[in-house]
């Protein structure tokens, strides 16, 4: 009885030894970052500011 348990124990150990020594798998893809609303609002604000600056310089040159 003891020898059977001992043999089963060693077989189980040998089966799991291969997976314990295996190399880890490749890392997954990095998470994709979407362009959210914050960047869109910053682009719109920059465009509006640039438009205001261009309109302001043209009005000053005409006077």
N, C-alpha and C. Protein backbone atom coordinates (compact mmCIF):
# COMPACT_ATOMS: atom_id res chain seq x y z
N UNK A 1 0.82 -1.19 0.00
CA UNK A 1 0.00 0.00 0.00
C UNK A 1 0.87 1.26 0.00
N UNK A 2 1.91 1.24 0.87
CA UNK A 2 2.78 2.41 0.93
C UNK A 2 3.55 2.59 -0.37
N UNK A 3 3.96 1.50 -0.97
CA UNK A 3 4.73 1.61 -2.21
C UNK A 3 3.85 2.14 -3.35
N UNK A 4 2.59 1.78 -3.38
CA UNK A 4 1.67 2.28 -4.41
C UNK A 4 1.47 3.79 -4.25
N UNK A 5 1.28 4.24 -3.03
CA UNK A 5 1.11 5.67 -2.78
C UNK A 5 2.39 6.42 -3.13
N UNK A 6 3.52 5.85 -2.82
CA UNK A 6 4.81 6.47 -3.12
C UNK A 6 5.02 6.57 -4.62
N UNK A 7 4.68 5.52 -5.37
CA UNK A 7 4.82 5.54 -6.83
C UNK A 7 3.89 6.58 -7.44
N UNK A 8 2.65 6.63 -6.98
CA UNK A 8 1.70 7.62 -7.50
C UNK A 8 2.19 9.03 -7.18
N UNK A 9 2.72 9.22 -6.00
CA UNK A 9 3.23 10.53 -5.59
C UNK A 9 4.37 10.97 -6.51
N UNK A 10 5.31 10.09 -6.82
CA UNK A 10 6.43 10.44 -7.68
C UNK A 10 5.98 10.67 -9.13
N UNK A 11 4.99 9.92 -9.59
CA UNK A 11 4.47 10.14 -10.95
C UNK A 11 3.82 11.52 -11.04
N UNK A 12 3.06 11.87 -10.03
CA UNK A 12 2.42 13.19 -10.02
C UNK A 12 3.47 14.29 -9.98
N UNK A 13 4.50 14.11 -9.18
CA UNK A 13 5.59 15.10 -9.09
C UNK A 13 6.27 15.24 -10.44
N UNK A 14 6.54 14.13 -11.12
CA UNK A 14 7.20 14.18 -12.42
C UNK A 14 6.32 14.85 -13.47
N UNK A 15 5.02 14.64 -13.40
CA UNK A 15 4.12 15.27 -14.36
C UNK A 15 4.09 16.79 -14.20
N UNK A 16 4.12 17.26 -12.96
CA UNK A 16 4.04 18.70 -12.72
C UNK A 16 5.40 19.38 -12.78
N UNK A 17 6.49 18.62 -12.79
CA UNK A 17 7.82 19.22 -12.84
C UNK A 17 8.06 19.91 -14.18
N UNK A 18 7.54 19.35 -15.25
CA UNK A 18 7.71 19.96 -16.57
C UNK A 18 7.03 21.31 -16.68
N UNK A 19 5.85 21.42 -16.13
CA UNK A 19 5.15 22.70 -16.20
C UNK A 19 5.74 23.71 -15.22
N UNK A 20 6.36 23.24 -14.16
CA UNK A 20 6.98 24.16 -13.20
C UNK A 20 8.25 24.77 -13.79
N UNK A 21 8.94 24.04 -14.66
CA UNK A 21 10.17 24.54 -15.26
C UNK A 21 9.94 25.22 -16.61
N UNK A 22 8.74 25.22 -17.09
CA UNK A 22 8.45 25.80 -18.40
C UNK A 22 8.61 27.32 -18.35
N UNK A 23 8.97 27.88 -19.49
CA UNK A 23 9.12 29.33 -19.58
C UNK A 23 7.74 29.97 -19.67
N UNK A 24 7.63 31.20 -19.19
CA UNK A 24 6.33 31.87 -19.29
C UNK A 24 6.01 32.20 -20.75
N UNK A 25 4.76 32.37 -21.04
CA UNK A 25 4.33 32.69 -22.39
C UNK A 25 4.68 34.11 -22.77
N UNK A 26 4.44 34.44 -24.02
CA UNK A 26 4.71 35.79 -24.50
C UNK A 26 3.73 36.77 -23.87
N UNK A 27 4.18 38.00 -23.62
CA UNK A 27 3.25 38.98 -23.05
C UNK A 27 2.19 39.37 -24.09
N UNK A 28 1.06 39.79 -23.61
CA UNK A 28 -0.02 40.19 -24.51
C UNK A 28 0.26 41.55 -25.13
N UNK A 29 -0.60 41.95 -26.02
CA UNK A 29 -0.47 43.25 -26.65
C UNK A 29 -0.71 44.35 -25.62
N UNK A 30 -0.02 45.48 -25.77
CA UNK A 30 -0.27 46.57 -24.83
C UNK A 30 -1.69 47.11 -25.04
N UNK A 31 -2.30 47.62 -24.00
CA UNK A 31 -3.66 48.14 -24.17
C UNK A 31 -3.68 49.35 -25.10
N UNK A 32 -4.66 49.38 -25.95
CA UNK A 32 -4.81 50.49 -26.88
C UNK A 32 -5.51 51.65 -26.17
N UNK A 33 -4.96 52.85 -26.29
CA UNK A 33 -5.53 54.02 -25.64
C UNK A 33 -6.34 54.80 -26.66
N UNK A 34 -7.62 54.94 -26.44
CA UNK A 34 -8.43 55.71 -27.38
C UNK A 34 -8.21 57.21 -27.18
N UNK A 35 -8.44 57.96 -28.24
CA UNK A 35 -8.41 59.43 -28.13
C UNK A 35 -9.76 59.82 -27.57
N UNK A 36 -9.75 60.23 -26.33
CA UNK A 36 -11.02 60.52 -25.66
C UNK A 36 -11.43 61.97 -25.89
N UNK A 37 -12.51 62.37 -25.25
CA UNK A 37 -13.07 63.69 -25.44
C UNK A 37 -12.17 64.82 -24.99
N UNK A 38 -11.27 64.57 -24.03
CA UNK A 38 -10.40 65.63 -23.53
C UNK A 38 -9.49 66.19 -24.60
N UNK A 39 -8.91 65.31 -25.41
CA UNK A 39 -8.01 65.76 -26.47
C UNK A 39 -8.80 66.50 -27.55
N UNK A 40 -9.99 66.03 -27.84
CA UNK A 40 -10.83 66.70 -28.85
C UNK A 40 -11.15 68.12 -28.40
N UNK A 41 -11.51 68.26 -27.13
CA UNK A 41 -11.83 69.61 -26.62
C UNK A 41 -10.60 70.51 -26.64
N UNK A 42 -9.44 69.96 -26.35
CA UNK A 42 -8.22 70.77 -26.39
C UNK A 42 -7.91 71.22 -27.81
N UNK A 43 -8.11 70.34 -28.79
CA UNK A 43 -7.89 70.72 -30.18
C UNK A 43 -8.88 71.80 -30.62
N UNK A 44 -10.14 71.65 -30.23
CA UNK A 44 -11.13 72.67 -30.58
C UNK A 44 -10.81 74.01 -29.92
N UNK A 45 -10.40 73.98 -28.66
CA UNK A 45 -10.05 75.22 -27.96
C UNK A 45 -8.83 75.87 -28.60
N UNK A 46 -7.84 75.07 -28.99
CA UNK A 46 -6.67 75.61 -29.66
C UNK A 46 -7.01 76.22 -31.01
N UNK A 47 -7.89 75.56 -31.75
CA UNK A 47 -8.33 76.12 -33.03
C UNK A 47 -9.09 77.42 -32.85
N UNK A 48 -9.97 77.48 -31.84
CA UNK A 48 -10.72 78.71 -31.58
C UNK A 48 -9.78 79.83 -31.13
N UNK A 49 -8.80 79.51 -30.31
CA UNK A 49 -7.84 80.51 -29.85
C UNK A 49 -7.01 81.04 -31.02
N UNK A 50 -6.57 80.13 -31.89
CA UNK A 50 -5.81 80.55 -33.07
C UNK A 50 -6.65 81.41 -34.00
N UNK A 51 -7.91 81.05 -34.19
CA UNK A 51 -8.81 81.85 -35.02
C UNK A 51 -9.00 83.24 -34.43
N UNK A 52 -9.16 83.31 -33.10
CA UNK A 52 -9.34 84.60 -32.43
C UNK A 52 -8.08 85.46 -32.58
N UNK A 53 -6.91 84.83 -32.46
CA UNK A 53 -5.66 85.58 -32.61
C UNK A 53 -5.50 86.10 -34.03
N UNK A 54 -5.84 85.29 -35.01
CA UNK A 54 -5.73 85.73 -36.40
C UNK A 54 -6.72 86.85 -36.70
N UNK A 55 -7.92 86.73 -36.22
CA UNK A 55 -8.93 87.77 -36.43
C UNK A 55 -8.53 89.05 -35.70
N UNK A 56 -7.94 88.92 -34.52
CA UNK A 56 -7.53 90.09 -33.73
C UNK A 56 -6.39 90.85 -34.40
N UNK A 57 -5.44 90.15 -35.01
CA UNK A 57 -4.32 90.83 -35.67
C UNK A 57 -4.79 91.51 -36.94
N UNK A 58 -5.74 90.93 -37.66
CA UNK A 58 -6.25 91.56 -38.88
C UNK A 58 -7.03 92.82 -38.55
N UNK A 59 -7.79 92.83 -37.48
CA UNK A 59 -8.56 94.01 -37.10
C UNK A 59 -7.62 95.13 -36.67
N UNK A 60 -6.56 94.83 -35.94
CA UNK A 60 -5.61 95.85 -35.51
C UNK A 60 -4.86 96.44 -36.69
N UNK A 61 -4.54 95.64 -37.70
CA UNK A 61 -3.82 96.14 -38.87
C UNK A 61 -4.69 97.05 -39.72
N UNK A 62 -5.99 96.82 -39.76
CA UNK A 62 -6.90 97.64 -40.55
C UNK A 62 -7.11 99.01 -39.93
N UNK A 63 -7.03 99.14 -38.61
CA UNK A 63 -7.26 100.43 -37.94
C UNK A 63 -6.05 101.25 -37.99
